[in-house]
Amino acid sequence: MGCTPDLITLFEELKTGITSSPVLARFDPDKPTFLKTDWSAKDMGWILMQPADDKESQLATKLFKYTGECQFVLSMNVAQLKPIFFGSRSCNDMERKYHSFTGEGAC
C-alpha cells in the first residue's frame, strides 16, 4: 500500500498534534510546581504542572513567588500551566469506599 494523499495529510496532522501545545514539558526546578488531582470511586488521576513561558504566565509566576497569590487557570485567557507528568490508576477495594475529600487526598 502506497502513501495516498489522505495518509500524508493524516501523518502531518498527527505530527502537528504531538509536537504542539499541550505536550509534556521538561521539569524546571526554578518554577513553582502544581499538582491537580481528580478522584472517583473507580479511578484516580493526577497531573503535575508548571507555569507556561508566555508573558502572562511569567508575570503570574512572579506574583505567586512574592505574594503567594495564584493567578493560574482562572480562565483560558490568562496565565496557564503546562503539563509535566500525567498519572492515573484504578482504585483498590478500600479506596472505592473513600469519601471524596479523602479520595482527592489519596491522589
PDB file of N, CA and C in Angstrom:
ATOM      1  N   MET A   1       0.849  -1.187   0.000  1.00  0.00           N
ATOM      2  CA  MET A   1       0.000   0.000   0.000  1.00  0.00           C
ATOM      3  C   MET A   1       0.883   1.235   0.000  1.00  0.00           C
ATOM      4  N   GLY A   2       0.659   2.142  -0.906  1.00  0.00           N
ATOM      5  CA  GLY A   2       1.457   3.355  -1.030  1.00  0.00           C
ATOM      6  C   GLY A   2       0.923   4.487  -0.170  1.00  0.00           C
ATOM      7  N   CYS A   3       1.649   5.567  -0.167  1.00  0.00           N
ATOM      8  CA  CYS A   3       1.235   6.762   0.584  1.00  0.00           C
ATOM      9  C   CYS A   3       0.258   7.565  -0.257  1.00  0.00           C
ATOM     10  N   THR A   4      -0.982   7.505   0.135  1.00  0.00           N
ATOM     11  CA  THR A   4      -2.013   8.271  -0.550  1.00  0.00           C
ATOM     12  C   THR A   4      -2.038   9.692   0.012  1.00  0.00           C
ATOM     13  N   PRO A   5      -2.623  10.630  -0.706  1.00  0.00           N
ATOM     14  CA  PRO A   5      -2.733  11.997  -0.166  1.00  0.00           C
ATOM     15  C   PRO A   5      -3.440  12.039   1.189  1.00  0.00           C
ATOM     16  N   ASP A   6      -4.442  11.183   1.383  1.00  0.00           N
ATOM     17  CA  ASP A   6      -5.135  11.149   2.674  1.00  0.00           C
ATOM     18  C   ASP A   6      -4.206  10.692   3.800  1.00  0.00           C
ATOM     19  N   LEU A   7      -3.358   9.682   3.531  1.00  0.00           N
ATOM     20  CA  LEU A   7      -2.417   9.201   4.541  1.00  0.00           C
ATOM     21  C   LEU A   7      -1.355  10.245   4.853  1.00  0.00           C
ATOM     22  N   ILE A   8      -0.898  10.942   3.847  1.00  0.00           N
ATOM     23  CA  ILE A   8       0.095  12.002   4.059  1.00  0.00           C
ATOM     24  C   ILE A   8      -0.508  13.118   4.903  1.00  0.00           C
ATOM     25  N   THR A   9      -1.743  13.506   4.619  1.00  0.00           N
ATOM     26  CA  THR A   9      -2.428  14.531   5.401  1.00  0.00           C
ATOM     27  C   THR A   9      -2.614  14.077   6.839  1.00  0.00           C
ATOM     28  N   LEU A  10      -3.037  12.826   7.027  1.00  0.00           N
ATOM     29  CA  LEU A  10      -3.208  12.285   8.368  1.00  0.00           C
ATOM     30  C   LEU A  10      -1.890  12.285   9.133  1.00  0.00           C
ATOM     31  N   PHE A  11      -0.805  11.877   8.482  1.00  0.00           N
ATOM     32  CA  PHE A  11       0.516  11.878   9.119  1.00  0.00           C
ATOM     33  C   PHE A  11       0.896  13.288   9.552  1.00  0.00           C
ATOM     34  N   GLU A  12       0.687  14.270   8.707  1.00  0.00           N
ATOM     35  CA  GLU A  12       1.030  15.656   9.045  1.00  0.00           C
ATOM     36  C   GLU A  12       0.187  16.163  10.209  1.00  0.00           C
ATOM     37  N   GLU A  13      -1.099  15.796  10.253  1.00  0.00           N
ATOM     38  CA  GLU A  13      -1.959  16.195  11.370  1.00  0.00           C
ATOM     39  C   GLU A  13      -1.483  15.562  12.678  1.00  0.00           C
ATOM     40  N   LEU A  14      -1.131  14.282  12.636  1.00  0.00           N
ATOM     41  CA  LEU A  14      -0.624  13.603  13.834  1.00  0.00           C
ATOM     42  C   LEU A  14       0.693  14.213  14.300  1.00  0.00           C
ATOM     43  N   LYS A  15       1.570  14.495  13.363  1.00  0.00           N
ATOM     44  CA  LYS A  15       2.866  15.090  13.693  1.00  0.00           C
ATOM     45  C   LYS A  15       2.666  16.457  14.363  1.00  0.00           C
ATOM     46  N   THR A  16       1.782  17.260  13.837  1.00  0.00           N
ATOM     47  CA  THR A  16       1.490  18.557  14.435  1.00  0.00           C
ATOM     48  C   THR A  16       0.864  18.392  15.817  1.00  0.00           C
ATOM     49  N   GLY A  17      -0.027  17.425  15.951  1.00  0.00           N
ATOM     50  CA  GLY A  17      -0.707  17.201  17.225  1.00  0.00           C
ATOM     51  C   GLY A  17       0.220  16.795  18.351  1.00  0.00           C
ATOM     52  N   ILE A  18       1.216  15.978  18.054  1.00  0.00           N
ATOM     53  CA  ILE A  18       2.096  15.512  19.128  1.00  0.00           C
ATOM     54  C   ILE A  18       3.287  16.430  19.365  1.00  0.00           C
ATOM     55  N   THR A  19       3.462  17.420  18.514  1.00  0.00           N
ATOM     56  CA  THR A  19       4.560  18.365  18.728  1.00  0.00           C
ATOM     57  C   THR A  19       4.071  19.762  19.079  1.00  0.00           C
ATOM     58  N   SER A  20       2.772  19.920  19.269  1.00  0.00           N
ATOM     59  CA  SER A  20       2.198  21.217  19.610  1.00  0.00           C
ATOM     60  C   SER A  20       1.712  21.210  21.047  1.00  0.00           C
ATOM     61  N   SER A  21       1.503  22.390  21.575  1.00  0.00           N
ATOM     62  CA  SER A  21       0.987  22.532  22.932  1.00  0.00           C
ATOM     63  C   SER A  21      -0.421  21.950  22.994  1.00  0.00           C
ATOM     64  N   PRO A  22      -0.855  21.278  24.020  1.00  0.00           N
ATOM     65  CA  PRO A  22      -0.104  20.985  25.234  1.00  0.00           C
ATOM     66  C   PRO A  22       0.550  19.613  25.188  1.00  0.00           C
ATOM     67  N   VAL A  23       1.838  19.583  25.058  1.00  0.00           N
ATOM     68  CA  VAL A  23       2.608  18.351  25.200  1.00  0.00           C
ATOM     69  C   VAL A  23       3.372  18.440  26.503  1.00  0.00           C
ATOM     70  N   LEU A  24       3.902  17.331  26.954  1.00  0.00           N
ATOM     71  CA  LEU A  24       4.646  17.344  28.194  1.00  0.00           C
ATOM     72  C   LEU A  24       5.887  18.220  28.056  1.00  0.00           C
ATOM     73  N   ALA A  25       6.088  19.043  29.068  1.00  0.00           N
ATOM     74  CA  ALA A  25       7.257  19.915  29.088  1.00  0.00           C
ATOM     75  C   ALA A  25       8.296  19.328  30.031  1.00  0.00           C
ATOM     76  N   ARG A  26       9.515  19.770  29.904  1.00  0.00           N
ATOM     77  CA  ARG A  26      10.564  19.344  30.833  1.00  0.00           C
ATOM     78  C   ARG A  26      10.385  20.054  32.161  1.00  0.00           C
ATOM     79  N   PHE A  27      10.659  19.325  33.236  1.00  0.00           N
ATOM     80  CA  PHE A  27      10.594  19.893  34.579  1.00  0.00           C
ATOM     81  C   PHE A  27      11.651  20.983  34.716  1.00  0.00           C
ATOM     82  N   ASP A  28      11.243  22.119  35.295  1.00  0.00           N
ATOM     83  CA  ASP A  28      12.153  23.228  35.547  1.00  0.00           C
ATOM     84  C   ASP A  28      12.196  23.466  37.054  1.00  0.00           C
ATOM     85  N   PRO A  29      13.320  23.161  37.717  1.00  0.00           N
ATOM     86  CA  PRO A  29      13.376  23.304  39.173  1.00  0.00           C
ATOM     87  C   PRO A  29      13.259  24.749  39.653  1.00  0.00           C
ATOM     88  N   ASP A  30      13.379  25.712  38.749  1.00  0.00           N
ATOM     89  CA  ASP A  30      13.260  27.114  39.131  1.00  0.00           C
ATOM     90  C   ASP A  30      11.823  27.630  39.106  1.00  0.00           C
ATOM     91  N   LYS A  31      10.907  26.825  38.608  1.00  0.00           N
ATOM     92  CA  LYS A  31       9.499  27.234  38.542  1.00  0.00           C
ATOM     93  C   LYS A  31       8.693  26.546  39.634  1.00  0.00           C
ATOM     94  N   PRO A  32       7.615  27.192  40.115  1.00  0.00           N
ATOM     95  CA  PRO A  32       6.740  26.505  41.070  1.00  0.00           C
ATOM     96  C   PRO A  32       6.053  25.323  40.384  1.00  0.00           C
ATOM     97  N   THR A  33       5.702  24.331  41.174  1.00  0.00           N
ATOM     98  CA  THR A  33       5.075  23.114  40.658  1.00  0.00           C
ATOM     99  C   THR A  33       3.708  22.958  41.306  1.00  0.00           C
ATOM    100  N   PHE A  34       2.711  22.607  40.499  1.00  0.00           N
ATOM    101  CA  PHE A  34       1.337  22.443  40.969  1.00  0.00           C
ATOM    102  C   PHE A  34       0.879  21.020  40.674  1.00  0.00           C
ATOM    103  N   LEU A  35       0.074  20.478  41.551  1.00  0.00           N
ATOM    104  CA  LEU A  35      -0.477  19.142  41.385  1.00  0.00           C
ATOM    105  C   LEU A  35      -1.986  19.251  41.292  1.00  0.00           C
ATOM    106  N   LYS A  36      -2.556  18.794  40.187  1.00  0.00           N
ATOM    107  CA  LYS A  36      -4.007  18.748  40.014  1.00  0.00           C
ATOM    108  C   LYS A  36      -4.436  17.294  40.118  1.00  0.00           C
ATOM    109  N   THR A  37      -5.498  17.046  40.863  1.00  0.00           N
ATOM    110  CA  THR A  37      -5.959  15.672  41.063  1.00  0.00           C
ATOM    111  C   THR A  37      -7.439  15.547  40.753  1.00  0.00           C
ATOM    112  N   ASP A  38      -7.848  14.333  40.483  1.00  0.00           N
ATOM    113  CA  ASP A  38      -9.266  14.022  40.334  1.00  0.00           C
ATOM    114  C   ASP A  38      -9.460  12.583  40.802  1.00  0.00           C
ATOM    115  N   TRP A  39     -10.509  12.362  41.559  1.00  0.00           N
ATOM    116  CA  TRP A  39     -10.772  11.054  42.139  1.00  0.00           C
ATOM    117  C   TRP A  39     -12.233  10.687  41.926  1.00  0.00           C
ATOM    118  N   SER A  40     -12.494   9.428  41.661  1.00  0.00           N
ATOM    119  CA  SER A  40     -13.841   8.872  41.681  1.00  0.00           C
ATOM    120  C   SER A  40     -13.740   7.523  42.366  1.00  0.00           C
ATOM    121  N   ALA A  41     -14.867   6.894  42.640  1.00  0.00           N
ATOM    122  CA  ALA A  41     -14.851   5.592  43.309  1.00  0.00           C
ATOM    123  C   ALA A  41     -14.217   4.510  42.425  1.00  0.00           C
ATOM    124  N   LYS A  42     -14.036   4.783  41.145  1.00  0.00           N
ATOM    125  CA  LYS A  42     -13.427   3.803  40.243  1.00  0.00           C
ATOM    126  C   LYS A  42     -11.956   4.089  39.973  1.00  0.00           C
ATOM    127  N   ASP A  43     -11.611   5.368  39.766  1.00  0.00           N
ATOM    128  CA  ASP A  43     -10.272   5.728  39.311  1.00  0.00           C
ATOM    129  C   ASP A  43      -9.779   7.003  39.980  1.00  0.00           C
ATOM    130  N   MET A  44      -8.474   7.223  39.882  1.00  0.00           N
ATOM    131  CA  MET A  44      -7.899   8.490  40.299  1.00  0.00           C
ATOM    132  C   MET A  44      -6.855   8.901  39.269  1.00  0.00           C
ATOM    133  N   GLY A  45      -6.675  10.210  39.137  1.00  0.00           N
ATOM    134  CA  GLY A  45      -5.694  10.715  38.191  1.00  0.00           C
ATOM    135  C   GLY A  45      -5.062  11.983  38.713  1.00  0.00           C
ATOM    136  N   TRP A  46      -3.891  12.291  38.186  1.00  0.00           N
ATOM    137  CA  TRP A  46      -3.173  13.482  38.619  1.00  0.00           C
ATOM    138  C   TRP A  46      -2.328  14.018  37.471  1.00  0.00           C
ATOM    139  N   ILE A  47      -2.081  15.326  37.536  1.00  0.00           N
ATOM    140  CA  ILE A  47      -1.240  15.999  36.561  1.00  0.00           C
ATOM    141  C   ILE A  47      -0.296  16.905  37.334  1.00  0.00           C
ATOM    142  N   LEU A  48       0.989  16.769  37.103  1.00  0.00           N
ATOM    143  CA  LEU A  48       1.986  17.664  37.649  1.00  0.00           C
ATOM    144  C   LEU A  48       2.190  18.759  36.612  1.00  0.00           C
ATOM    145  N   MET A  49       2.090  20.039  37.051  1.00  0.00           N
ATOM    146  CA  MET A  49       2.110  21.149  36.105  1.00  0.00           C
ATOM    147  C   MET A  49       3.040  22.261  36.574  1.00  0.00           C
ATOM    148  N   GLN A  50       3.539  23.026  35.600  1.00  0.00           N
ATOM    149  CA  GLN A  50       4.349  24.202  35.879  1.00  0.00           C
ATOM    150  C   GLN A  50       3.900  25.331  34.957  1.00  0.00           C
ATOM    151  N   PRO A  51       4.217  26.584  35.327  1.00  0.00           N
ATOM    152  CA  PRO A  51       3.805  27.720  34.505  1.00  0.00           C
ATOM    153  C   PRO A  51       4.349  27.645  33.079  1.00  0.00           C
ATOM    154  N   ALA A  52       3.533  28.124  32.150  1.00  0.00           N
ATOM    155  CA  ALA A  52       3.953  28.224  30.750  1.00  0.00           C
ATOM    156  C   ALA A  52       4.976  29.351  30.629  1.00  0.00           C
ATOM    157  N   ASP A  53       5.488  29.555  29.428  1.00  0.00           N
ATOM    158  CA  ASP A  53       6.537  30.551  29.217  1.00  0.00           C
ATOM    159  C   ASP A  53       6.042  31.861  28.615  1.00  0.00           C
ATOM    160  N   ASP A  54       4.735  32.015  28.433  1.00  0.00           N
ATOM    161  CA  ASP A  54       4.212  33.252  27.866  1.00  0.00           C
ATOM    162  C   ASP A  54       4.304  34.385  28.897  1.00  0.00           C
ATOM    163  N   LYS A  55       4.122  35.605  28.434  1.00  0.00           N
ATOM    164  CA  LYS A  55       4.278  36.799  29.280  1.00  0.00           C
ATOM    165  C   LYS A  55       3.345  36.769  30.497  1.00  0.00           C
ATOM    166  N   GLU A  56       2.076  36.425  30.287  1.00  0.00           N
ATOM    167  CA  GLU A  56       1.111  36.397  31.382  1.00  0.00           C
ATOM    168  C   GLU A  56       1.507  35.380  32.448  1.00  0.00           C
ATOM    169  N   SER A  57       1.989  34.225  32.008  1.00  0.00           N
ATOM    170  CA  SER A  57       2.395  33.178  32.953  1.00  0.00           C
ATOM    171  C   SER A  57       3.646  33.581  33.729  1.00  0.00           C
ATOM    172  N   GLN A  58       4.574  34.256  33.074  1.00  0.00           N
ATOM    173  CA  GLN A  58       5.771  34.728  33.758  1.00  0.00           C
ATOM    174  C   GLN A  58       5.423  35.761  34.834  1.00  0.00           C
ATOM    175  N   LEU A  59       4.501  36.670  34.508  1.00  0.00           N
ATOM    176  CA  LEU A  59       4.060  37.666  35.496  1.00  0.00           C
ATOM    177  C   LEU A  59       3.344  36.989  36.665  1.00  0.00           C
ATOM    178  N   ALA A  60       2.512  36.010  36.362  1.00  0.00           N
ATOM    179  CA  ALA A  60       1.790  35.292  37.421  1.00  0.00           C
ATOM    180  C   ALA A  60       2.752  34.497  38.297  1.00  0.00           C
ATOM    181  N   THR A  61       3.830  33.975  37.708  1.00  0.00           N
ATOM    182  CA  THR A  61       4.839  33.249  38.488  1.00  0.00           C
ATOM    183  C   THR A  61       5.513  34.181  39.482  1.00  0.00           C
ATOM    184  N   LYS A  62       5.873  35.380  39.034  1.00  0.00           N
ATOM    185  CA  LYS A  62       6.491  36.361  39.935  1.00  0.00           C
ATOM    186  C   LYS A  62       5.536  36.726  41.069  1.00  0.00           C
ATOM    187  N   LEU A  63       4.273  36.981  40.739  1.00  0.00           N
ATOM    188  CA  LEU A  63       3.276  37.309  41.748  1.00  0.00           C
ATOM    189  C   LEU A  63       3.141  36.182  42.761  1.00  0.00           C
ATOM    190  N   PHE A  64       3.088  34.943  42.273  1.00  0.00           N
ATOM    191  CA  PHE A  64       2.953  33.782  43.161  1.00  0.00           C
ATOM    192  C   PHE A  64       4.164  33.650  44.084  1.00  0.00           C
ATOM    193  N   LYS A  65       5.372  33.833  43.536  1.00  0.00           N
ATOM    194  CA  LYS A  65       6.589  33.692  44.341  1.00  0.00           C
ATOM    195  C   LYS A  65       6.675  34.753  45.438  1.00  0.00           C
ATOM    196  N   TYR A  66       6.231  35.971  45.138  1.00  0.00           N
ATOM    197  CA  TYR A  66       6.404  37.065  46.096  1.00  0.00           C
ATOM    198  C   TYR A  66       5.221  37.282  47.026  1.00  0.00           C
ATOM    199  N   THR A  67       4.014  36.891  46.600  1.00  0.00           N
ATOM    200  CA  THR A  67       2.831  37.147  47.442  1.00  0.00           C
ATOM    201  C   THR A  67       2.061  35.882  47.814  1.00  0.00           C
ATOM    202  N   GLY A  68       2.282  34.796  47.082  1.00  0.00           N
ATOM    203  CA  GLY A  68       1.522  33.576  47.319  1.00  0.00           C
ATOM    204  C   GLY A  68       0.187  33.560  46.606  1.00  0.00           C
ATOM    205  N   GLU A  69      -0.153  34.653  45.913  1.00  0.00           N
ATOM    206  CA  GLU A  69      -1.418  34.731  45.177  1.00  0.00           C
ATOM    207  C   GLU A  69      -1.296  33.960  43.868  1.00  0.00           C
ATOM    208  N   CYS A  70      -2.229  33.058  43.631  1.00  0.00           N
ATOM    209  CA  CYS A  70      -2.186  32.198  42.438  1.00  0.00           C
ATOM    210  C   CYS A  70      -3.186  32.698  41.393  1.00  0.00           C
ATOM    211  N   GLN A  71      -2.662  33.102  40.248  1.00  0.00           N
ATOM    212  CA  GLN A  71      -3.479  33.605  39.140  1.00  0.00           C
ATOM    213  C   GLN A  71      -3.613  32.599  37.991  1.00  0.00           C
ATOM    214  N   PHE A  72      -3.149  31.376  38.208  1.00  0.00           N
ATOM    215  CA  PHE A  72      -3.139  30.402  37.116  1.00  0.00           C
ATOM    216  C   PHE A  72      -4.494  29.755  36.899  1.00  0.00           C
ATOM    217  N   VAL A  73      -4.837  29.571  35.632  1.00  0.00           N
ATOM    218  CA  VAL A  73      -6.006  28.835  35.165  1.00  0.00           C
ATOM    219  C   VAL A  73      -7.314  29.346  35.772  1.00  0.00           C
ATOM    220  N   LEU A  74      -7.395  30.650  35.932  1.00  0.00           N
ATOM    221  CA  LEU A  74      -8.666  31.230  36.357  1.00  0.00           C
ATOM    222  C   LEU A  74      -9.609  31.360  35.175  1.00  0.00           C
ATOM    223  N   SER A  75      -9.060  31.527  34.000  1.00  0.00           N
ATOM    224  CA  SER A  75      -9.828  31.494  32.758  1.00  0.00           C
ATOM    225  C   SER A  75      -8.863  31.098  31.651  1.00  0.00           C
ATOM    226  N   MET A  76      -9.344  30.869  30.478  1.00  0.00           N
ATOM    227  CA  MET A  76      -8.481  30.435  29.378  1.00  0.00           C
ATOM    228  C   MET A  76      -7.662  31.588  28.794  1.00  0.00           C
ATOM    229  N   ASN A  77      -7.918  32.836  29.214  1.00  0.00           N
ATOM    230  CA  ASN A  77      -7.235  33.982  28.625  1.00  0.00           C
ATOM    231  C   ASN A  77      -6.151  34.561  29.516  1.00  0.00           C
ATOM    232  N   VAL A  78      -5.750  33.855  30.549  1.00  0.00           N
ATOM    233  CA  VAL A  78      -4.737  34.359  31.465  1.00  0.00           C
ATOM    234  C   VAL A  78      -3.612  33.347  31.603  1.00  0.00           C
ATOM    235  N   ALA A  79      -2.796  33.531  32.626  1.00  0.00           N
ATOM    236  CA  ALA A  79      -1.655  32.658  32.871  1.00  0.00           C
ATOM    237  C   ALA A  79      -2.078  31.191  32.881  1.00  0.00           C
ATOM    238  N   GLN A  80      -1.277  30.378  32.240  1.00  0.00           N
ATOM    239  CA  GLN A  80      -1.605  28.964  32.107  1.00  0.00           C
ATOM    240  C   GLN A  80      -0.497  28.082  32.670  1.00  0.00           C
ATOM    241  N   LEU A  81      -0.872  26.875  33.023  1.00  0.00           N
ATOM    242  CA  LEU A  81       0.068  25.855  33.469  1.00  0.00           C
ATOM    243  C   LEU A  81       0.218  24.827  32.364  1.00  0.00           C
ATOM    244  N   LYS A  82       1.416  24.268  32.214  1.00  0.00           N
ATOM    245  CA  LYS A  82       1.642  23.238  31.202  1.00  0.00           C
ATOM    246  C   LYS A  82       1.950  21.922  31.897  1.00  0.00           C
ATOM    247  N   PRO A  83       1.519  20.805  31.325  1.00  0.00           N
ATOM    248  CA  PRO A  83       1.722  19.506  31.966  1.00  0.00           C
ATOM    249  C   PRO A  83       3.183  19.050  31.913  1.00  0.00           C
ATOM    250  N   ILE A  84       3.638  18.478  33.036  1.00  0.00           N
ATOM    251  CA  ILE A  84       4.975  17.917  33.155  1.00  0.00           C
ATOM    252  C   ILE A  84       4.892  16.389  33.225  1.00  0.00           C
ATOM    253  N   PHE A  85       3.844  15.887  33.904  1.00  0.00           N
ATOM    254  CA  PHE A  85       3.691  14.447  34.115  1.00  0.00           C
ATOM    255  C   PHE A  85       2.220  14.139  34.341  1.00  0.00           C
ATOM    256  N   PHE A  86       1.747  13.047  33.767  1.00  0.00           N
ATOM    257  CA  PHE A  86       0.385  12.557  33.972  1.00  0.00           C
ATOM    258  C   PHE A  86       0.446  11.218  34.676  1.00  0.00           C
ATOM    259  N   GLY A  87      -0.561  10.909  35.457  1.00  0.00           N
ATOM    260  CA  GLY A  87      -0.657   9.595  36.049  1.00  0.00           C
ATOM    261  C   GLY A  87      -2.106   9.267  36.372  1.00  0.00           C
ATOM    262  N   SER A  88      -2.410   7.984  36.391  1.00  0.00           N
ATOM    263  CA  SER A  88      -3.752   7.537  36.768  1.00  0.00           C
ATOM    264  C   SER A  88      -3.686   6.061  37.127  1.00  0.00           C
ATOM    265  N   ARG A  89      -4.697   5.633  37.852  1.00  0.00           N
ATOM    266  CA  ARG A  89      -4.825   4.204  38.159  1.00  0.00           C
ATOM    267  C   ARG A  89      -6.215   3.935  38.686  1.00  0.00           C
ATOM    268  N   SER A  90      -6.577   2.671  38.699  1.00  0.00           N
ATOM    269  CA  SER A  90      -7.857   2.249  39.268  1.00  0.00           C
ATOM    270  C   SER A  90      -7.755   2.254  40.779  1.00  0.00           C
ATOM    271  N   CYS A  91      -8.866   2.490  41.437  1.00  0.00           N
ATOM    272  CA  CYS A  91      -8.912   2.431  42.899  1.00  0.00           C
ATOM    273  C   CYS A  91      -8.993   0.969  43.346  1.00  0.00           C
ATOM    274  N   ASN A  92      -8.363   0.688  44.480  1.00  0.00           N
ATOM    275  CA  ASN A  92      -8.489  -0.654  45.038  1.00  0.00           C
ATOM    276  C   ASN A  92      -9.792  -0.740  45.840  1.00  0.00           C
ATOM    277  N   ASP A  93     -10.110  -1.896  46.394  1.00  0.00           N
ATOM    278  CA  ASP A  93     -11.390  -2.084  47.087  1.00  0.00           C
ATOM    279  C   ASP A  93     -11.574  -1.107  48.241  1.00  0.00           C
ATOM    280  N   MET A  94     -10.533  -0.856  49.015  1.00  0.00           N
ATOM    281  CA  MET A  94     -10.657   0.066  50.139  1.00  0.00           C
ATOM    282  C   MET A  94     -10.837   1.508  49.653  1.00  0.00           C
ATOM    283  N   GLU A  95     -10.092   1.909  48.614  1.00  0.00           N
ATOM    284  CA  GLU A  95     -10.170   3.271  48.091  1.00  0.00           C
ATOM    285  C   GLU A  95     -11.535   3.584  47.492  1.00  0.00           C
ATOM    286  N   ARG A  96     -12.240   2.566  47.005  1.00  0.00           N
ATOM    287  CA  ARG A  96     -13.567   2.782  46.432  1.00  0.00           C
ATOM    288  C   ARG A  96     -14.575   3.251  47.480  1.00  0.00           C
ATOM    289  N   LYS A  97     -14.275   3.022  48.755  1.00  0.00           N
ATOM    290  CA  LYS A  97     -15.184   3.399  49.849  1.00  0.00           C
ATOM    291  C   LYS A  97     -14.869   4.772  50.434  1.00  0.00           C
ATOM    292  N   TYR A  98     -13.805   5.415  49.951  1.00  0.00           N
ATOM    293  CA  TYR A  98     -13.409   6.719  50.491  1.00  0.00           C
ATOM    294  C   TYR A  98     -14.469   7.780  50.242  1.00  0.00           C
ATOM    295  N   HIS A  99     -14.540   8.736  51.161  1.00  0.00           N
ATOM    296  CA  HIS A  99     -15.284   9.971  50.922  1.00  0.00           C
ATOM    297  C   HIS A  99     -14.509  10.750  49.857  1.00  0.00           C
ATOM    298  N   SER A 100     -15.157  11.624  49.121  1.00  0.00           N
ATOM    299  CA  SER A 100     -14.476  12.334  48.035  1.00  0.00           C
ATOM    300  C   SER A 100     -13.283  13.153  48.554  1.00  0.00           C
ATOM    301  N   PHE A 101     -13.386  13.752  49.723  1.00  0.00           N
ATOM    302  CA  PHE A 101     -12.264  14.529  50.275  1.00  0.00           C
ATOM    303  C   PHE A 101     -11.051  13.619  50.490  1.00  0.00           C
ATOM    304  N   THR A 102     -11.284  12.453  51.060  1.00  0.00           N
ATOM    305  CA  THR A 102     -10.196  11.503  51.305  1.00  0.00           C
ATOM    306  C   THR A 102      -9.645  10.983  49.982  1.00  0.00           C
ATOM    307  N   GLY A 103     -10.520  10.712  49.034  1.00  0.00           N
ATOM    308  CA  GLY A 103     -10.089  10.226  47.730  1.00  0.00           C
ATOM    309  C   GLY A 103      -9.203  11.229  47.007  1.00  0.00           C
ATOM    310  N   GLU A 104      -9.589  12.515  47.024  1.00  0.00           N
ATOM    311  CA  GLU A 104      -8.750  13.553  46.402  1.00  0.00           C
ATOM    312  C   GLU A 104      -7.394  13.603  47.083  1.00  0.00           C
ATOM    313  N   GLY A 105      -7.365  13.462  48.398  1.00  0.00           N
ATOM    314  CA  GLY A 105      -6.100  13.454  49.120  1.00  0.00           C
ATOM    315  C   GLY A 105      -5.263  12.236  48.784  1.00  0.00           C
ATOM    316  N   ALA A 106      -5.907  11.122  48.516  1.00  0.00           N
ATOM    317  CA  ALA A 106      -5.184   9.894  48.169  1.00  0.00           C
ATOM    318  C   ALA A 106      -4.507   9.996  46.808  1.00  0.00           C
ATOM    319  N   CYS A 107      -5.075  10.838  45.952  1.00  0.00           N
ATOM    320  CA  CYS A 107      -4.452  11.010  44.630  1.00  0.00           C
ATOM    321  C   CYS A 107      -3.030  11.463  44.785  1.00  0.00           C
TER     322      CYS A 107
END
